[in-house]
Amino acid sequence: MGKTKWKADEMEMTINFKSIRIAYVFSILALFGYCIYILITENELPLIPFIIFCGELCLFYLTKLCLTKKITRGNRDEEHN
């Protein structure tokens, strides 16, 4: 029997994207809360969790910017025709 490629439908893709967003927000809030807690209790900023926190935010905004440019680039060509 041959393997068939499985493609997710729109509903499943929407559920996956919402799950990813919720997990991302939880991760960001947990790291932020941890950094604030350590900063208040020990009066020093935990370097590694803070770097991960900043890296996640930078990666999110950079990929959002790049993907937005890539997707809207095709739409600009259609408007001029």
PDB file of N, CA and C in Angstrom:
ATOM      1  N   MET A   1       0.827  -1.182   0.000  1.00  0.00           N
ATOM      2  CA  MET A   1       0.000   0.000   0.000  1.00  0.00           C
ATOM      3  C   MET A   1       0.873   1.248   0.000  1.00  0.00           C
ATOM      4  N   GLY A   2       0.559   2.170  -0.860  1.00  0.00           N
ATOM      5  CA  GLY A   2       1.342   3.389  -0.946  1.00  0.00           C
ATOM      6  C   GLY A   2       0.982   4.382   0.148  1.00  0.00           C
ATOM      7  N   LYS A   3       1.946   5.170   0.500  1.00  0.00           N
ATOM      8  CA  LYS A   3       1.695   6.213   1.498  1.00  0.00           C
ATOM      9  C   LYS A   3       1.004   7.394   0.832  1.00  0.00           C
ATOM     10  N   THR A   4      -0.010   7.894   1.474  1.00  0.00           N
ATOM     11  CA  THR A   4      -0.666   9.096   0.969  1.00  0.00           C
ATOM     12  C   THR A   4      -0.297  10.257   1.866  1.00  0.00           C
ATOM     13  N   LYS A   5      -0.093  11.396   1.255  1.00  0.00           N
ATOM     14  CA  LYS A   5       0.229  12.583   2.039  1.00  0.00           C
ATOM     15  C   LYS A   5      -1.020  13.059   2.740  1.00  0.00           C
ATOM     16  N   TRP A   6      -0.872  13.346   4.025  1.00  0.00           N
ATOM     17  CA  TRP A   6      -1.998  13.811   4.815  1.00  0.00           C
ATOM     18  C   TRP A   6      -1.911  15.316   4.929  1.00  0.00           C
ATOM     19  N   LYS A   7      -3.012  15.992   4.650  1.00  0.00           N
ATOM     20  CA  LYS A   7      -3.086  17.439   4.767  1.00  0.00           C
ATOM     21  C   LYS A   7      -4.152  17.799   5.780  1.00  0.00           C
ATOM     22  N   ALA A   8      -3.818  18.737   6.653  1.00  0.00           N
ATOM     23  CA  ALA A   8      -4.774  19.184   7.657  1.00  0.00           C
ATOM     24  C   ALA A   8      -5.807  20.109   7.011  1.00  0.00           C
ATOM     25  N   ASP A   9      -7.039  20.014   7.471  1.00  0.00           N
ATOM     26  CA  ASP A   9      -8.068  20.900   6.956  1.00  0.00           C
ATOM     27  C   ASP A   9      -8.025  22.225   7.726  1.00  0.00           C
ATOM     28  N   GLU A  10      -8.882  23.163   7.325  1.00  0.00           N
ATOM     29  CA  GLU A  10      -8.852  24.506   7.917  1.00  0.00           C
ATOM     30  C   GLU A  10      -9.151  24.493   9.410  1.00  0.00           C
ATOM     31  N   MET A  11     -10.112  23.676   9.829  1.00  0.00           N
ATOM     32  CA  MET A  11     -10.462  23.631  11.241  1.00  0.00           C
ATOM     33  C   MET A  11      -9.285  23.122  12.075  1.00  0.00           C
ATOM     34  N   GLU A  12      -8.626  22.087  11.614  1.00  0.00           N
ATOM     35  CA  GLU A  12      -7.490  21.552  12.353  1.00  0.00           C
ATOM     36  C   GLU A  12      -6.327  22.542  12.381  1.00  0.00           C
ATOM     37  N   MET A  13      -6.102  23.232  11.275  1.00  0.00           N
ATOM     38  CA  MET A  13      -5.044  24.244  11.246  1.00  0.00           C
ATOM     39  C   MET A  13      -5.349  25.372  12.230  1.00  0.00           C
ATOM     40  N   THR A  14      -6.602  25.808  12.298  1.00  0.00           N
ATOM     41  CA  THR A  14      -6.992  26.858  13.230  1.00  0.00           C
ATOM     42  C   THR A  14      -6.772  26.412  14.670  1.00  0.00           C
ATOM     43  N   ILE A  15      -7.163  25.181  14.973  1.00  0.00           N
ATOM     44  CA  ILE A  15      -6.964  24.651  16.323  1.00  0.00           C
ATOM     45  C   ILE A  15      -5.473  24.584  16.656  1.00  0.00           C
ATOM     46  N   ASN A  16      -4.661  24.121  15.713  1.00  0.00           N
ATOM     47  CA  ASN A  16      -3.212  24.037  15.941  1.00  0.00           C
ATOM     48  C   ASN A  16      -2.600  25.410  16.176  1.00  0.00           C
ATOM     49  N   PHE A  17      -2.972  26.397  15.375  1.00  0.00           N
ATOM     50  CA  PHE A  17      -2.420  27.733  15.534  1.00  0.00           C
ATOM     51  C   PHE A  17      -2.830  28.364  16.860  1.00  0.00           C
ATOM     52  N   LYS A  18      -4.090  28.163  17.275  1.00  0.00           N
ATOM     53  CA  LYS A  18      -4.526  28.698  18.566  1.00  0.00           C
ATOM     54  C   LYS A  18      -3.778  28.028  19.711  1.00  0.00           C
ATOM     55  N   SER A  19      -3.560  26.726  19.604  1.00  0.00           N
ATOM     56  CA  SER A  19      -2.815  26.000  20.638  1.00  0.00           C
ATOM     57  C   SER A  19      -1.380  26.503  20.724  1.00  0.00           C
ATOM     58  N   ILE A  20      -0.777  26.745  19.585  1.00  0.00           N
ATOM     59  CA  ILE A  20       0.596  27.250  19.558  1.00  0.00           C
ATOM     60  C   ILE A  20       0.658  28.638  20.185  1.00  0.00           C
ATOM     61  N   ARG A  21      -0.311  29.486  19.867  1.00  0.00           N
ATOM     62  CA  ARG A  21      -0.340  30.832  20.450  1.00  0.00           C
ATOM     63  C   ARG A  21      -0.484  30.786  21.960  1.00  0.00           C
ATOM     64  N   ILE A  22      -1.384  29.933  22.452  1.00  0.00           N
ATOM     65  CA  ILE A  22      -1.588  29.825  23.896  1.00  0.00           C
ATOM     66  C   ILE A  22      -0.318  29.326  24.582  1.00  0.00           C
ATOM     67  N   ALA A  23       0.339  28.335  24.003  1.00  0.00           N
ATOM     68  CA  ALA A  23       1.578  27.812  24.575  1.00  0.00           C
ATOM     69  C   ALA A  23       2.677  28.876  24.558  1.00  0.00           C
ATOM     70  N   TYR A  24       2.740  29.656  23.486  1.00  0.00           N
ATOM     71  CA  TYR A  24       3.740  30.718  23.389  1.00  0.00           C
ATOM     72  C   TYR A  24       3.503  31.792  24.446  1.00  0.00           C
ATOM     73  N   VAL A  25       2.259  32.215  24.597  1.00  0.00           N
ATOM     74  CA  VAL A  25       1.941  33.244  25.597  1.00  0.00           C
ATOM     75  C   VAL A  25       2.245  32.731  26.995  1.00  0.00           C
ATOM     76  N   PHE A  26       1.911  31.474  27.270  1.00  0.00           N
ATOM     77  CA  PHE A  26       2.235  30.897  28.574  1.00  0.00           C
ATOM     78  C   PHE A  26       3.742  30.907  28.810  1.00  0.00           C
ATOM     79  N   SER A  27       4.509  30.520  27.811  1.00  0.00           N
ATOM     80  CA  SER A  27       5.966  30.485  27.935  1.00  0.00           C
ATOM     81  C   SER A  27       6.533  31.875  28.227  1.00  0.00           C
ATOM     82  N   ILE A  28       6.052  32.865  27.487  1.00  0.00           N
ATOM     83  CA  ILE A  28       6.530  34.232  27.684  1.00  0.00           C
ATOM     84  C   ILE A  28       6.165  34.742  29.079  1.00  0.00           C
ATOM     85  N   LEU A  29       4.916  34.532  29.489  1.00  0.00           N
ATOM     86  CA  LEU A  29       4.483  35.011  30.801  1.00  0.00           C
ATOM     87  C   LEU A  29       5.206  34.289  31.938  1.00  0.00           C
ATOM     88  N   ALA A  30       5.446  32.985  31.769  1.00  0.00           N
ATOM     89  CA  ALA A  30       6.162  32.235  32.799  1.00  0.00           C
ATOM     90  C   ALA A  30       7.599  32.723  32.942  1.00  0.00           C
ATOM     91  N   LEU A  31       8.282  32.928  31.833  1.00  0.00           N
ATOM     92  CA  LEU A  31       9.661  33.446  31.902  1.00  0.00           C
ATOM     93  C   LEU A  31       9.703  34.854  32.474  1.00  0.00           C
ATOM     94  N   PHE A  32       8.755  35.691  32.058  1.00  0.00           N
ATOM     95  CA  PHE A  32       8.703  37.058  32.578  1.00  0.00           C
ATOM     96  C   PHE A  32       8.439  37.049  34.080  1.00  0.00           C
ATOM     97  N   GLY A  33       7.474  36.243  34.511  1.00  0.00           N
ATOM     98  CA  GLY A  33       7.173  36.139  35.940  1.00  0.00           C
ATOM     99  C   GLY A  33       8.351  35.622  36.734  1.00  0.00           C
ATOM    100  N   TYR A  34       9.036  34.624  36.202  1.00  0.00           N
ATOM    101  CA  TYR A  34      10.213  34.076  36.880  1.00  0.00           C
ATOM    102  C   TYR A  34      11.315  35.132  37.009  1.00  0.00           C
ATOM    103  N   CYS A  35      11.561  35.858  35.934  1.00  0.00           N
ATOM    104  CA  CYS A  35      12.594  36.901  35.972  1.00  0.00           C
ATOM    105  C   CYS A  35      12.242  37.986  36.994  1.00  0.00           C
ATOM    106  N   ILE A  36      10.988  38.403  37.023  1.00  0.00           N
ATOM    107  CA  ILE A  36      10.565  39.425  37.981  1.00  0.00           C
ATOM    108  C   ILE A  36      10.681  38.898  39.412  1.00  0.00           C
ATOM    109  N   TYR A  37      10.253  37.648  39.635  1.00  0.00           N
ATOM    110  CA  TYR A  37      10.333  37.056  40.974  1.00  0.00           C
ATOM    111  C   TYR A  37      11.783  37.011  41.473  1.00  0.00           C
ATOM    112  N   ILE A  38      12.687  36.524  40.657  1.00  0.00           N
ATOM    113  CA  ILE A  38      14.101  36.442  41.053  1.00  0.00           C
ATOM    114  C   ILE A  38      14.681  37.843  41.243  1.00  0.00           C
ATOM    115  N   LEU A  39      14.290  38.773  40.394  1.00  0.00           N
ATOM    116  CA  LEU A  39      14.773  40.148  40.516  1.00  0.00           C
ATOM    117  C   LEU A  39      14.339  40.750  41.852  1.00  0.00           C
ATOM    118  N   ILE A  40      13.114  40.501  42.267  1.00  0.00           N
ATOM    119  CA  ILE A  40      12.607  41.061  43.527  1.00  0.00           C
ATOM    120  C   ILE A  40      13.215  40.352  44.733  1.00  0.00           C
ATOM    121  N   THR A  41      13.276  39.010  44.696  1.00  0.00           N
ATOM    122  CA  THR A  41      13.737  38.266  45.875  1.00  0.00           C
ATOM    123  C   THR A  41      15.252  38.269  46.033  1.00  0.00           C
ATOM    124  N   GLU A  42      15.978  38.149  44.935  1.00  0.00           N
ATOM    125  CA  GLU A  42      17.441  38.051  45.037  1.00  0.00           C
ATOM    126  C   GLU A  42      18.155  39.302  44.555  1.00  0.00           C
ATOM    127  N   ASN A  43      17.404  40.247  44.045  1.00  0.00           N
ATOM    128  CA  ASN A  43      17.943  41.518  43.577  1.00  0.00           C
ATOM    129  C   ASN A  43      18.979  41.351  42.458  1.00  0.00           C
ATOM    130  N   GLU A  44      18.786  40.325  41.636  1.00  0.00           N
ATOM    131  CA  GLU A  44      19.612  40.156  40.436  1.00  0.00           C
ATOM    132  C   GLU A  44      18.762  39.544  39.339  1.00  0.00           C
ATOM    133  N   LEU A  45      19.099  39.864  38.114  1.00  0.00           N
ATOM    134  CA  LEU A  45      18.340  39.381  36.970  1.00  0.00           C
ATOM    135  C   LEU A  45      18.910  38.039  36.516  1.00  0.00           C
ATOM    136  N   PRO A  46      18.077  36.981  36.436  1.00  0.00           N
ATOM    137  CA  PRO A  46      18.582  35.686  35.957  1.00  0.00           C
ATOM    138  C   PRO A  46      18.896  35.771  34.461  1.00  0.00           C
ATOM    139  N   LEU A  47      20.142  35.588  34.110  1.00  0.00           N
ATOM    140  CA  LEU A  47      20.610  35.852  32.751  1.00  0.00           C
ATOM    141  C   LEU A  47      20.024  34.899  31.713  1.00  0.00           C
ATOM    142  N   ILE A  48      20.100  33.606  31.933  1.00  0.00           N
ATOM    143  CA  ILE A  48      19.666  32.654  30.913  1.00  0.00           C
ATOM    144  C   ILE A  48      18.157  32.740  30.645  1.00  0.00           C
ATOM    145  N   PRO A  49      17.299  32.728  31.675  1.00  0.00           N
ATOM    146  CA  PRO A  49      15.864  32.884  31.372  1.00  0.00           C
ATOM    147  C   PRO A  49      15.544  34.224  30.709  1.00  0.00           C
ATOM    148  N   PHE A  50      16.260  35.281  31.080  1.00  0.00           N
ATOM    149  CA  PHE A  50      16.026  36.589  30.468  1.00  0.00           C
ATOM    150  C   PHE A  50      16.436  36.587  28.996  1.00  0.00           C
ATOM    151  N   ILE A  51      17.535  35.908  28.667  1.00  0.00           N
ATOM    152  CA  ILE A  51      17.978  35.809  27.277  1.00  0.00           C
ATOM    153  C   ILE A  51      16.965  35.005  26.456  1.00  0.00           C
ATOM    154  N   ILE A  52      16.457  33.912  27.037  1.00  0.00           N
ATOM    155  CA  ILE A  52      15.436  33.119  26.342  1.00  0.00           C
ATOM    156  C   ILE A  52      14.186  33.956  26.115  1.00  0.00           C
ATOM    157  N   PHE A  53      13.765  34.699  27.130  1.00  0.00           N
ATOM    158  CA  PHE A  53      12.598  35.580  27.038  1.00  0.00           C
ATOM    159  C   PHE A  53      12.774  36.596  25.911  1.00  0.00           C
ATOM    160  N   CYS A  54      13.903  37.274  25.894  1.00  0.00           N
ATOM    161  CA  CYS A  54      14.168  38.270  24.845  1.00  0.00           C
ATOM    162  C   CYS A  54      14.288  37.618  23.466  1.00  0.00           C
ATOM    163  N   GLY A  55      14.932  36.452  23.416  1.00  0.00           N
ATOM    164  CA  GLY A  55      15.091  35.742  22.148  1.00  0.00           C
ATOM    165  C   GLY A  55      13.757  35.324  21.559  1.00  0.00           C
ATOM    166  N   GLU A  56      12.840  34.840  22.403  1.00  0.00           N
ATOM    167  CA  GLU A  56      11.511  34.462  21.914  1.00  0.00           C
ATOM    168  C   GLU A  56      10.772  35.662  21.348  1.00  0.00           C
ATOM    169  N   LEU A  57      10.828  36.775  22.049  1.00  0.00           N
ATOM    170  CA  LEU A  57      10.133  37.974  21.565  1.00  0.00           C
ATOM    171  C   LEU A  57      10.735  38.473  20.255  1.00  0.00           C
ATOM    172  N   CYS A  58      12.061  38.517  20.181  1.00  0.00           N
ATOM    173  CA  CYS A  58      12.721  38.969  18.948  1.00  0.00           C
ATOM    174  C   CYS A  58      12.401  38.036  17.782  1.00  0.00           C
ATOM    175  N   LEU A  59      12.466  36.740  18.023  1.00  0.00           N
ATOM    176  CA  LEU A  59      12.173  35.768  16.981  1.00  0.00           C
ATOM    177  C   LEU A  59      10.731  35.897  16.502  1.00  0.00           C
ATOM    178  N   PHE A  60       9.803  36.100  17.425  1.00  0.00           N
ATOM    179  CA  PHE A  60       8.403  36.273  17.056  1.00  0.00           C
ATOM    180  C   PHE A  60       8.218  37.472  16.143  1.00  0.00           C
ATOM    181  N   TYR A  61       8.752  38.627  16.556  1.00  0.00           N
ATOM    182  CA  TYR A  61       8.547  39.843  15.768  1.00  0.00           C
ATOM    183  C   TYR A  61       9.303  39.813  14.439  1.00  0.00           C
ATOM    184  N   LEU A  62      10.490  39.227  14.408  1.00  0.00           N
ATOM    185  CA  LEU A  62      11.236  39.127  13.150  1.00  0.00           C
ATOM    186  C   LEU A  62      10.534  38.209  12.148  1.00  0.00           C
ATOM    187  N   THR A  63      10.061  37.054  12.608  1.00  0.00           N
ATOM    188  CA  THR A  63       9.365  36.158  11.684  1.00  0.00           C
ATOM    189  C   THR A  63       8.037  36.754  11.238  1.00  0.00           C
ATOM    190  N   LYS A  64       7.361  37.450  12.138  1.00  0.00           N
ATOM    191  CA  LYS A  64       6.105  38.098  11.762  1.00  0.00           C
ATOM    192  C   LYS A  64       6.357  39.149  10.685  1.00  0.00           C
ATOM    193  N   LEU A  65       7.411  39.936  10.854  1.00  0.00           N
ATOM    194  CA  LEU A  65       7.764  40.968   9.880  1.00  0.00           C
ATOM    195  C   LEU A  65       8.121  40.346   8.532  1.00  0.00           C
ATOM    196  N   CYS A  66       8.971  39.321   8.549  1.00  0.00           N
ATOM    197  CA  CYS A  66       9.394  38.670   7.300  1.00  0.00           C
ATOM    198  C   CYS A  66       8.228  38.000   6.584  1.00  0.00           C
ATOM    199  N   LEU A  67       7.403  37.277   7.321  1.00  0.00           N
ATOM    200  CA  LEU A  67       6.273  36.594   6.687  1.00  0.00           C
ATOM    201  C   LEU A  67       5.251  37.588   6.165  1.00  0.00           C
ATOM    202  N   THR A  68       5.031  38.681   6.880  1.00  0.00           N
ATOM    203  CA  THR A  68       4.100  39.708   6.415  1.00  0.00           C
ATOM    204  C   THR A  68       4.598  40.330   5.122  1.00  0.00           C
ATOM    205  N   LYS A  69       5.899  40.631   5.060  1.00  0.00           N
ATOM    206  CA  LYS A  69       6.472  41.193   3.828  1.00  0.00           C
ATOM    207  C   LYS A  69       6.337  40.203   2.672  1.00  0.00           C
ATOM    208  N   LYS A  70       6.631  38.937   2.953  1.00  0.00           N
ATOM    209  CA  LYS A  70       6.579  37.910   1.909  1.00  0.00           C
ATOM    210  C   LYS A  70       5.160  37.738   1.375  1.00  0.00           C
ATOM    211  N   ILE A  71       4.184  37.710   2.256  1.00  0.00           N
ATOM    212  CA  ILE A  71       2.807  37.492   1.835  1.00  0.00           C
ATOM    213  C   ILE A  71       2.243  38.721   1.138  1.00  0.00           C
ATOM    214  N   THR A  72       2.517  39.909   1.644  1.00  0.00           N
ATOM    215  CA  THR A  72       1.960  41.120   1.044  1.00  0.00           C
ATOM    216  C   THR A  72       2.677  41.514  -0.239  1.00  0.00           C
ATOM    217  N   ARG A  73       3.866  41.009  -0.462  1.00  0.00           N
ATOM    218  CA  ARG A  73       4.591  41.322  -1.687  1.00  0.00           C
ATOM    219  C   ARG A  73       3.819  40.840  -2.910  1.00  0.00           C
ATOM    220  N   GLY A  74       3.237  39.653  -2.829  1.00  0.00           N
ATOM    221  CA  GLY A  74       2.441  39.113  -3.937  1.00  0.00           C
ATOM    222  C   GLY A  74       1.165  39.896  -4.156  1.00  0.00           C
ATOM    223  N   ASN A  75       0.574  40.421  -3.103  1.00  0.00           N
ATOM    224  CA  ASN A  75      -0.666  41.186  -3.225  1.00  0.00           C
ATOM    225  C   ASN A  75      -0.436  42.535  -3.893  1.00  0.00           C
ATOM    226  N   ARG A  76       0.711  43.134  -3.693  1.00  0.00           N
ATOM    227  CA  ARG A  76       1.019  44.428  -4.315  1.00  0.00           C
ATOM    228  C   ARG A  76       1.079  44.302  -5.829  1.00  0.00           C
ATOM    229  N   ASP A  77       1.629  43.179  -6.315  1.00  0.00           N
ATOM    230  CA  ASP A  77       1.701  42.965  -7.774  1.00  0.00           C
ATOM    231  C   ASP A  77       0.314  42.858  -8.382  1.00  0.00           C
ATOM    232  N   GLU A  78      -0.621  42.231  -7.670  1.00  0.00           N
ATOM    233  CA  GLU A  78      -1.975  42.059  -8.192  1.00  0.00           C
ATOM    234  C   GLU A  78      -2.722  43.378  -8.248  1.00  0.00           C
ATOM    235  N   GLU A  79      -2.438  44.296  -7.330  1.00  0.00           N
ATOM    236  CA  GLU A  79      -3.149  45.584  -7.312  1.00  0.00           C
ATOM    237  C   GLU A  79      -2.774  46.453  -8.502  1.00  0.00           C
ATOM    238  N   HIS A  80      -1.556  46.323  -9.010  1.00  0.00           N
ATOM    239  CA  HIS A  80      -1.097  47.167 -10.123  1.00  0.00           C
ATOM    240  C   HIS A  80      -1.636  46.703 -11.471  1.00  0.00           C
ATOM    241  N   ASN A  81      -2.144  45.485 -11.578  1.00  0.00           N
ATOM    242  CA  ASN A  81      -2.627  44.959 -12.869  1.00  0.00           C
ATOM    243  C   ASN A  81      -3.972  45.468 -13.220  1.00  0.00           C
TER     244      ASN A  81
END
